[in-house]
């Protein structure tokens, strides 16, 4: 029996936009703010030293892999204290710096056809975002999404099954009625497929598929081809069918 797709989940970073320039711009904006308002910090620590502090923290605490905003903020607080700021100052300054970072973090340049594809799909399916990053669909104004599940909110990151299972529970669908779209062979495609969820691999750089034991249900190299791929997996119809 073929089950019609009812829920479509999307990864965000590197699926709807290129995340690397976004993070670089956000870090540059925060560094400029720190130079203006935290002179003792920038006099003692370089941007690379601040970055390395985060990497060291994650190396010693892999259980906090999903808490990217919290770890960035807490590491900054610790470095502010080491630079000579009192605890209350460190908390306030780190919070303000993180708000600068998060404002820039949400200045994304969408891939071609990303927004038009979401507009095309939203009338026919329930859409959910499942992300390990800290971009938020509401803050981005992506009204097409009914649900936003970040690793920080869920309590664990992909490839753990919990984000996918929670999305299914929220939308009241089975794995056979869900489709996940993402760029990462492991965190997106293999993780979803292990639960029986249909998958589409977004592969704009036309990389070779790395696994031999599983494959995505479809591959697209541009988002303009996504609706057609979904239609092919849904019995030739873009529109979700009633049970």
Protein backbone atom coordinates (compact mmCIF):
# COMPACT_ATOMS: atom_id res chain seq x y z
CA UNK A 1 0.00 0.00 0.00
CA UNK A 2 1.30 3.44 -0.96
CA UNK A 3 0.75 6.12 1.66
CA UNK A 4 0.23 9.68 0.46
CA UNK A 5 2.64 12.26 1.79
CA UNK A 6 1.03 14.63 4.27
CA UNK A 7 3.99 16.13 6.15
CA UNK A 8 7.10 17.56 4.50
CA UNK A 9 10.02 18.56 6.70
CA UNK A 10 12.94 20.68 5.59
CA UNK A 11 16.41 21.12 6.90
CA UNK A 12 17.29 24.85 6.81
CA UNK A 13 21.03 25.62 6.66
CA UNK A 14 22.51 24.64 3.29
CA UNK A 15 19.08 23.48 2.13
CA UNK A 16 17.23 26.80 1.83
CA UNK A 17 20.34 29.01 1.94
CA UNK A 18 24.14 28.81 2.08
CA UNK A 19 24.98 29.04 5.78
CA UNK A 20 28.74 29.69 5.65
CA UNK A 21 28.59 33.35 4.51
CA UNK A 22 25.74 33.95 6.96
CA UNK A 23 27.81 32.77 9.93
CA UNK A 24 30.86 34.71 8.76
CA UNK A 25 28.79 37.89 8.50
CA UNK A 26 27.18 37.29 11.90
CA UNK A 27 30.54 36.73 13.56
CA UNK A 28 31.94 39.86 11.90
CA UNK A 29 28.96 41.91 13.12
CA UNK A 30 29.40 40.62 16.66
CA UNK A 31 33.15 41.23 16.59
CA UNK A 32 32.58 44.83 15.48
CA UNK A 33 30.15 45.27 18.38
CA UNK A 34 32.63 43.77 20.84
CA UNK A 35 35.34 46.14 19.62
CA UNK A 36 33.06 49.08 20.37
CA UNK A 37 31.64 47.97 23.71
CA UNK A 38 34.07 45.42 25.20
CA UNK A 39 37.57 46.89 24.86
CA UNK A 40 39.08 44.77 27.62
CA UNK A 41 37.89 41.60 25.90
CA UNK A 42 39.24 42.42 22.45
CA UNK A 43 42.52 43.60 23.97
CA UNK A 44 43.05 40.20 25.54
CA UNK A 45 41.42 37.72 23.14
CA UNK A 46 41.50 37.55 19.36
CA UNK A 47 38.45 36.35 17.39
CA UNK A 48 40.31 33.08 16.77
CA UNK A 49 40.88 32.60 20.50
CA UNK A 50 37.18 33.14 21.17
CA UNK A 51 36.32 30.62 18.47
CA UNK A 52 38.81 28.12 19.86
CA UNK A 53 37.24 28.46 23.31
CA UNK A 54 33.95 27.23 21.84
CA UNK A 55 35.65 24.36 20.03
CA UNK A 56 37.43 23.32 23.22
CA UNK A 57 34.17 23.45 25.17
CA UNK A 58 32.41 21.19 22.68
CA UNK A 59 35.39 18.82 22.62
CA UNK A 60 35.05 18.35 26.37
CA UNK A 61 31.24 18.42 26.41
CA UNK A 62 29.91 16.62 23.30
CA UNK A 63 26.59 16.22 25.11
CA UNK A 64 26.05 19.93 24.46
CA UNK A 65 26.52 19.62 20.70
CA UNK A 66 22.94 20.74 20.11
CA UNK A 67 23.14 23.84 22.35
CA UNK A 68 24.94 26.08 19.88
CA UNK A 69 23.43 29.39 21.01
CA UNK A 70 23.88 28.65 24.69
CA UNK A 71 27.47 27.49 24.25
CA UNK A 72 28.38 30.55 22.17
CA UNK A 73 26.86 32.83 24.83
CA UNK A 74 28.33 30.99 27.83
CA UNK A 75 31.83 30.87 26.33
CA UNK A 76 31.65 34.59 25.65
CA UNK A 77 30.58 35.22 29.24
CA UNK A 78 33.53 33.21 30.54
CA UNK A 79 35.99 35.13 28.37
CA UNK A 80 34.49 38.45 29.45
CA UNK A 81 35.05 37.46 33.08
CA UNK A 82 38.62 36.39 32.30
CA UNK A 83 39.14 39.79 30.64
CA UNK A 84 38.19 41.57 33.84
CA UNK A 85 34.45 42.18 33.66
CA UNK A 86 32.32 41.31 36.68
CA UNK A 87 29.69 38.57 36.43
CA UNK A 88 26.74 40.93 35.95
CA UNK A 89 28.61 42.87 33.27
CA UNK A 90 29.62 39.66 31.52
CA UNK A 91 26.05 38.38 31.47
CA UNK A 92 24.65 41.65 30.12
CA UNK A 93 27.37 42.18 27.52
CA UNK A 94 27.24 38.59 26.29
CA UNK A 95 23.47 38.79 25.92
CA UNK A 96 23.74 42.03 23.94
CA UNK A 97 26.51 40.66 21.74
CA UNK A 98 24.48 37.53 21.02
CA UNK A 99 21.50 39.61 19.97
CA UNK A 100 23.74 41.35 17.43
CA UNK A 101 24.91 37.94 16.25
CA UNK A 102 21.38 36.56 15.97
CA UNK A 103 20.13 39.59 14.05
CA UNK A 104 22.83 39.02 11.45
CA UNK A 105 22.29 35.24 11.62
CA UNK A 106 18.83 35.81 10.18
CA UNK A 107 20.00 37.89 7.22
CA UNK A 108 20.03 34.99 4.80
CA UNK A 109 20.18 34.90 1.01
CA UNK A 110 17.79 32.18 -0.09
CA UNK A 111 18.73 29.76 -2.81
CA UNK A 112 16.95 30.33 -6.10
CA UNK A 113 13.35 29.09 -6.02
CA UNK A 114 13.41 28.44 -2.25
CA UNK A 115 10.59 30.81 -1.33
CA UNK A 116 8.47 30.10 -4.40
CA UNK A 117 8.76 26.36 -3.75
CA UNK A 118 7.61 26.78 -0.15
CA UNK A 119 4.69 28.87 -1.39
CA UNK A 120 3.83 26.15 -3.89
CA UNK A 121 3.92 23.34 -1.31
CA UNK A 122 2.29 25.04 1.68
CA UNK A 123 -1.33 24.85 0.42
CA UNK A 124 -1.02 21.09 -0.10
CA UNK A 125 1.10 19.83 2.80
CA UNK A 126 1.93 20.52 6.41
CA UNK A 127 5.47 21.90 6.41
CA UNK A 128 7.94 21.56 9.29
CA UNK A 129 11.49 22.78 9.76
CA UNK A 130 13.90 20.38 11.45
CA UNK A 131 17.25 22.03 12.03
CA UNK A 132 20.42 21.61 14.04
CA UNK A 133 21.08 25.34 13.60
CA UNK A 134 19.73 28.37 15.42
CA UNK A 135 17.91 30.15 12.61
CA UNK A 136 14.20 30.40 13.40
CA UNK A 137 11.49 30.27 10.75
CA UNK A 138 9.26 32.71 12.64
CA UNK A 139 12.05 35.24 12.96
CA UNK A 140 12.72 34.79 9.24
CA UNK A 141 9.06 35.38 8.44
CA UNK A 142 8.65 31.95 6.84
CA UNK A 143 4.91 31.68 7.42
CA UNK A 144 4.70 28.56 5.25
CA UNK A 145 5.95 26.40 8.13
CA UNK A 146 3.48 25.06 10.66
CA UNK A 147 6.19 23.69 12.96
CA UNK A 148 9.76 24.64 13.80
CA UNK A 149 11.90 22.06 15.59
CA UNK A 150 15.42 23.12 16.47
CA UNK A 151 17.92 20.85 18.16
CA UNK A 152 18.08 23.28 21.08
CA UNK A 153 14.31 23.11 21.60
CA UNK A 154 13.99 19.36 21.09
CA UNK A 155 16.96 18.57 23.30
CA UNK A 156 18.96 16.60 20.78
CA UNK A 157 20.31 17.07 17.27
CA UNK A 158 19.87 15.13 14.06
CA UNK A 159 20.72 12.33 13.33
CA UNK A 160 18.94 11.38 16.55
CA UNK A 161 15.40 10.19 15.78
CA UNK A 162 13.67 12.48 18.27
CA UNK A 163 13.25 15.56 16.03
CA UNK A 164 11.62 13.47 13.30
CA UNK A 165 9.45 11.55 15.75
CA UNK A 166 8.29 14.77 17.37
CA UNK A 167 7.39 16.26 14.00
CA UNK A 168 5.29 13.19 13.18
CA UNK A 169 3.55 13.37 16.54
CA UNK A 170 2.80 17.09 16.18
CA UNK A 171 1.34 16.57 12.71
CA UNK A 172 -0.41 13.28 13.61
CA UNK A 173 1.14 11.37 10.72
CA UNK A 174 2.98 8.09 10.32
CA UNK A 175 6.50 7.70 8.94
CA UNK A 176 5.02 6.52 5.65
CA UNK A 177 3.16 9.84 5.36
CA UNK A 178 6.26 11.99 5.91
CA UNK A 179 8.96 13.26 3.56
CA UNK A 180 12.21 14.89 4.68
CA UNK A 181 14.36 17.13 2.48
CA UNK A 182 17.92 18.06 3.37
CA UNK A 183 21.50 18.39 2.21
CA UNK A 184 23.32 16.14 4.69
CA UNK A 185 23.57 12.45 3.76
CA UNK A 186 23.87 11.42 7.42
CA UNK A 187 21.95 13.94 9.55
CA UNK A 188 19.11 14.31 7.08
CA UNK A 189 18.78 11.43 4.66
CA UNK A 190 20.11 8.41 6.56
CA UNK A 191 18.53 9.57 9.82
CA UNK A 192 15.08 10.02 8.30
CA UNK A 193 15.29 6.87 6.18
CA UNK A 194 16.12 4.77 9.24
CA UNK A 195 12.65 5.64 10.55
CA UNK A 196 10.89 4.73 7.32
CA UNK A 197 10.51 8.35 6.21
CA UNK A 198 10.78 9.17 2.51
CA UNK A 199 13.71 11.40 1.64
CA UNK A 200 14.90 13.81 -1.02
CA UNK A 201 18.57 14.72 -1.05
CA UNK A 202 19.24 18.33 -2.02
CA UNK A 203 22.62 18.09 -3.74
CA UNK A 204 23.44 21.36 -5.51
CA UNK A 205 27.15 20.56 -5.77
CA UNK A 206 26.40 17.19 -7.44
CA UNK A 207 28.46 15.19 -4.96
CA UNK A 208 28.61 11.41 -5.12
CA UNK A 209 26.19 9.65 -2.78
CA UNK A 210 28.41 8.29 0.04
CA UNK A 211 26.45 5.27 1.25
CA UNK A 212 25.99 1.81 -0.25
CA UNK A 213 23.42 0.47 2.22
CA UNK A 214 20.74 3.08 1.53
CA UNK A 215 19.80 5.76 -0.98
CA UNK A 216 17.43 8.74 -0.99
CA UNK A 217 14.08 8.30 -2.69
CA UNK A 218 14.97 11.19 -5.00
CA UNK A 219 17.80 13.65 -5.63
CA UNK A 220 17.44 17.27 -6.77
CA UNK A 221 20.22 19.67 -7.70
CA UNK A 222 18.06 22.79 -7.70
CA UNK A 223 14.99 23.66 -5.66
CA UNK A 224 12.94 24.37 -8.78
CA UNK A 225 12.89 20.59 -9.35
CA UNK A 226 11.58 19.81 -5.89
CA UNK A 227 7.85 19.96 -6.63
CA UNK A 228 8.28 17.54 -9.51
CA UNK A 229 10.25 15.13 -7.35
CA UNK A 230 7.59 15.27 -4.64
CA UNK A 231 4.88 14.65 -7.21
CA UNK A 232 6.77 11.57 -8.40
CA UNK A 233 6.88 10.21 -4.87
CA UNK A 234 3.21 11.03 -4.28
CA UNK A 235 1.72 9.01 -7.09
CA UNK A 236 2.09 11.69 -9.72
CA UNK A 237 0.17 14.34 -7.77
CA UNK A 238 1.59 17.35 -5.97
CA UNK A 239 -1.44 17.56 -3.74
CA UNK A 240 -1.65 15.38 -0.66
CA UNK A 241 -4.46 12.86 -0.88
CA UNK A 242 -7.01 12.31 1.85
CA UNK A 243 -6.88 9.03 3.70
